[in-house]
C-alpha atoms as a PDB file:
ATOM      1  CA  MET A   1      52.325  -4.653 -18.844  1.00  0.00           C
ATOM      2  CA  ASP A   2      48.922  -5.653 -20.193  1.00  0.00           C
ATOM      3  CA  ARG A   3      45.898  -3.393 -20.038  1.00  0.00           C
ATOM      4  CA  VAL A   4      42.269  -4.333 -20.376  1.00  0.00           C
ATOM      5  CA  ILE A   5      39.263  -2.065 -20.253  1.00  0.00           C
ATOM      6  CA  VAL A   6      35.922  -3.389 -19.050  1.00  0.00           C
ATOM      7  CA  LEU A   7      32.795  -1.357 -19.810  1.00  0.00           C
ATOM      8  CA  GLY A   8      29.433  -1.530 -18.134  1.00  0.00           C
ATOM      9  CA  ARG A   9      26.290   0.418 -18.950  1.00  0.00           C
ATOM     10  CA  LEU A  10      24.612   1.579 -15.735  1.00  0.00           C
ATOM     11  CA  ARG A  11      20.913   1.268 -15.061  1.00  0.00           C
ATOM     12  CA  ALA A  12      19.154   4.591 -14.574  1.00  0.00           C
ATOM     13  CA  GLY A  13      19.563   5.951 -11.067  1.00  0.00           C
ATOM     14  CA  THR A  14      22.493   3.745 -10.022  1.00  0.00           C
ATOM     15  CA  ARG A  15      25.350   6.237 -10.200  1.00  0.00           C
ATOM     16  CA  GLU A  16      25.147   7.011  -6.481  1.00  0.00           C
ATOM     17  CA  ARG A  17      25.436   3.310  -5.625  1.00  0.00           C
ATOM     18  CA  ALA A  18      28.397   3.022  -8.030  1.00  0.00           C
ATOM     19  CA  GLU A  19      30.100   5.917  -6.237  1.00  0.00           C
ATOM     20  CA  GLN A  20      29.552   4.100  -2.933  1.00  0.00           C
ATOM     21  CA  LEU A  21      31.077   0.893  -4.296  1.00  0.00           C
ATOM     22  CA  ILE A  22      34.123   2.850  -5.463  1.00  0.00           C
ATOM     23  CA  ALA A  23      34.439   4.460  -2.017  1.00  0.00           C
ATOM     24  CA  ASP A  24      34.169   1.005  -0.419  1.00  0.00           C
ATOM     25  CA  GLU A  25      36.946  -0.241  -2.719  1.00  0.00           C
ATOM     26  CA  LEU A  26      39.179   2.667  -1.670  1.00  0.00           C
ATOM     27  CA  ALA A  27      38.460   2.001   1.996  1.00  0.00           C
ATOM     28  CA  SER A  28      39.499  -1.640   1.574  1.00  0.00           C
ATOM     29  CA  ASN A  29      42.865  -0.607   0.090  1.00  0.00           C
ATOM     30  CA  GLY A  30      41.886  -1.504  -3.436  1.00  0.00           C
ATOM     31  CA  PRO A  31      42.181  -4.735  -5.369  1.00  0.00           C
ATOM     32  CA  GLU A  32      44.400  -7.553  -4.284  1.00  0.00           C
ATOM     33  CA  ASP A  33      47.383  -8.972  -6.131  1.00  0.00           C
ATOM     34  CA  GLN A  34      45.771  -9.581  -9.535  1.00  0.00           C
ATOM     35  CA  PHE A  35      46.573  -6.135 -10.944  1.00  0.00           C
ATOM     36  CA  ASP A  36      49.319  -3.547 -10.644  1.00  0.00           C
ATOM     37  CA  ARG A  37      46.902  -0.685 -11.238  1.00  0.00           C
ATOM     38  CA  VAL A  38      43.134  -0.235 -11.368  1.00  0.00           C
ATOM     39  CA  THR A  39      41.439   2.946 -12.550  1.00  0.00           C
ATOM     40  CA  ILE A  40      37.667   3.446 -12.552  1.00  0.00           C
ATOM     41  CA  PHE A  41      35.941   6.063 -14.684  1.00  0.00           C
ATOM     42  CA  LEU A  42      32.315   6.884 -13.961  1.00  0.00           C
ATOM     43  CA  SER A  43      29.658   8.810 -15.856  1.00  0.00           C
ATOM     44  CA  ASP A  44      25.919   8.985 -15.284  1.00  0.00           C
ATOM     45  CA  THR A  45      25.391   6.109 -17.702  1.00  0.00           C
ATOM     46  CA  GLU A  46      28.599   4.045 -17.755  1.00  0.00           C
ATOM     47  CA  VAL A  47      31.440   2.721 -15.676  1.00  0.00           C
ATOM     48  CA  VAL A  48      34.847   1.934 -17.152  1.00  0.00           C
ATOM     49  CA  PHE A  49      37.401  -0.236 -15.376  1.00  0.00           C
ATOM     50  CA  LEU A  50      41.002   0.043 -16.580  1.00  0.00           C
ATOM     51  CA  LEU A  51      42.960  -2.947 -15.288  1.00  0.00           C
ATOM     52  CA  GLU A  52      46.733  -3.012 -15.697  1.00  0.00           C
ATOM     53  CA  GLY A  53      49.340  -5.607 -14.894  1.00  0.00           C
ATOM     54  CA  ALA A  54      51.001  -8.758 -16.099  1.00  0.00           C
ATOM     55  CA  ASN A  55      48.338 -10.903 -17.769  1.00  0.00           C
ATOM     56  CA  ALA A  56      45.576  -8.434 -16.871  1.00  0.00           C
ATOM     57  CA  ASP A  57      43.136 -10.005 -19.323  1.00  0.00           C
ATOM     58  CA  GLU A  58      43.727 -13.492 -17.950  1.00  0.00           C
ATOM     59  CA  SER A  59      43.464 -12.212 -14.372  1.00  0.00           C
ATOM     60  CA  PHE A  60      40.126 -10.544 -15.090  1.00  0.00           C
ATOM     61  CA  ARG A  61      38.761 -13.681 -16.765  1.00  0.00           C
ATOM     62  CA  ALA A  62      39.970 -15.770 -13.835  1.00  0.00           C
ATOM     63  CA  ILE A  63      37.980 -13.575 -11.451  1.00  0.00           C
ATOM     64  CA  LEU A  64      34.843 -14.056 -13.553  1.00  0.00           C
ATOM     65  CA  ASP A  65      35.347 -17.830 -13.785  1.00  0.00           C
ATOM     66  CA  ASP A  66      36.104 -18.448 -10.110  1.00  0.00           C
ATOM     67  CA  PRO A  67      33.033 -18.809  -7.855  1.00  0.00           C
ATOM     68  CA  VAL A  68      34.865 -17.353  -4.849  1.00  0.00           C
ATOM     69  CA  GLU A  69      36.701 -14.517  -6.616  1.00  0.00           C
ATOM     70  CA  SER A  70      33.632 -13.512  -8.624  1.00  0.00           C
ATOM     71  CA  THR A  71      31.893 -12.479  -5.406  1.00  0.00           C
ATOM     72  CA  ARG A  72      34.148  -9.389  -5.517  1.00  0.00           C
ATOM     73  CA  ILE A  73      32.154  -8.029  -8.463  1.00  0.00           C
ATOM     74  CA  ALA A  74      28.755  -9.280  -7.232  1.00  0.00           C
ATOM     75  CA  PRO A  75      27.740  -5.896  -5.707  1.00  0.00           C
ATOM     76  CA  TRP A  76      28.187  -4.274  -9.133  1.00  0.00           C
ATOM     77  CA  LEU A  77      26.019  -6.713 -11.078  1.00  0.00           C
ATOM     78  CA  PRO A  78      22.595  -5.231 -10.185  1.00  0.00           C
ATOM     79  CA  LEU A  79      23.829  -1.842 -11.418  1.00  0.00           C
ATOM     80  CA  PHE A  80      24.530  -2.996 -14.975  1.00  0.00           C
ATOM     81  CA  ASP A  81      22.042  -2.620 -17.794  1.00  0.00           C
ATOM     82  CA  GLY A  82      23.293  -5.525 -19.900  1.00  0.00           C
ATOM     83  CA  PRO A  83      26.497  -7.541 -19.851  1.00  0.00           C
ATOM     84  CA  LEU A  84      29.963  -6.217 -19.160  1.00  0.00           C
ATOM     85  CA  HIS A  85      32.210  -6.191 -22.155  1.00  0.00           C
ATOM     86  CA  ALA A  86      35.948  -5.898 -22.493  1.00  0.00           C
ATOM     87  CA  VAL A  87      37.687  -3.848 -25.141  1.00  0.00           C
ATOM     88  CA  ARG A  88      41.203  -4.343 -26.373  1.00  0.00           C
ATOM     89  CA  GLU A  89      43.748  -1.607 -26.801  1.00  0.00           C
ATOM     90  CA  ALA A  90      44.006  -0.779 -30.491  1.00  0.00           C
ATOM     91  CA  TYR A  91      46.352   2.209 -30.287  1.00  0.00           C
ATOM     92  CA  SER A  92      48.447   3.975 -27.696  1.00  0.00           C
ATOM     93  CA  TRP A  93      50.695   6.996 -28.013  1.00  0.00           C
ATOM     94  CA  VAL A  94      53.306   8.123 -25.503  1.00  0.00           C
ATOM     95  CA  ARG A  95      55.518  11.182 -25.782  1.00  0.00           C
END
């Protein structure tokens, strides 16, 4: 299973809107078939998306590159202070 983390810095005062977008995502039964698991972490200044599944990185890039699929992230875009950036897993430990 692949994992990709996508980070976004939030504009000041947008945390409440981010919380609403997360609630909307939960109400819609979450993401579709692209990922096996999606986890969202939220602070006052950042949002972190952990996307897991087969070819998670490719699936995320496909969403960004597809004009129809990219509308799924459109509500988030005004909240970001700068571009999203992905980070790769460098180390993982499991007991």
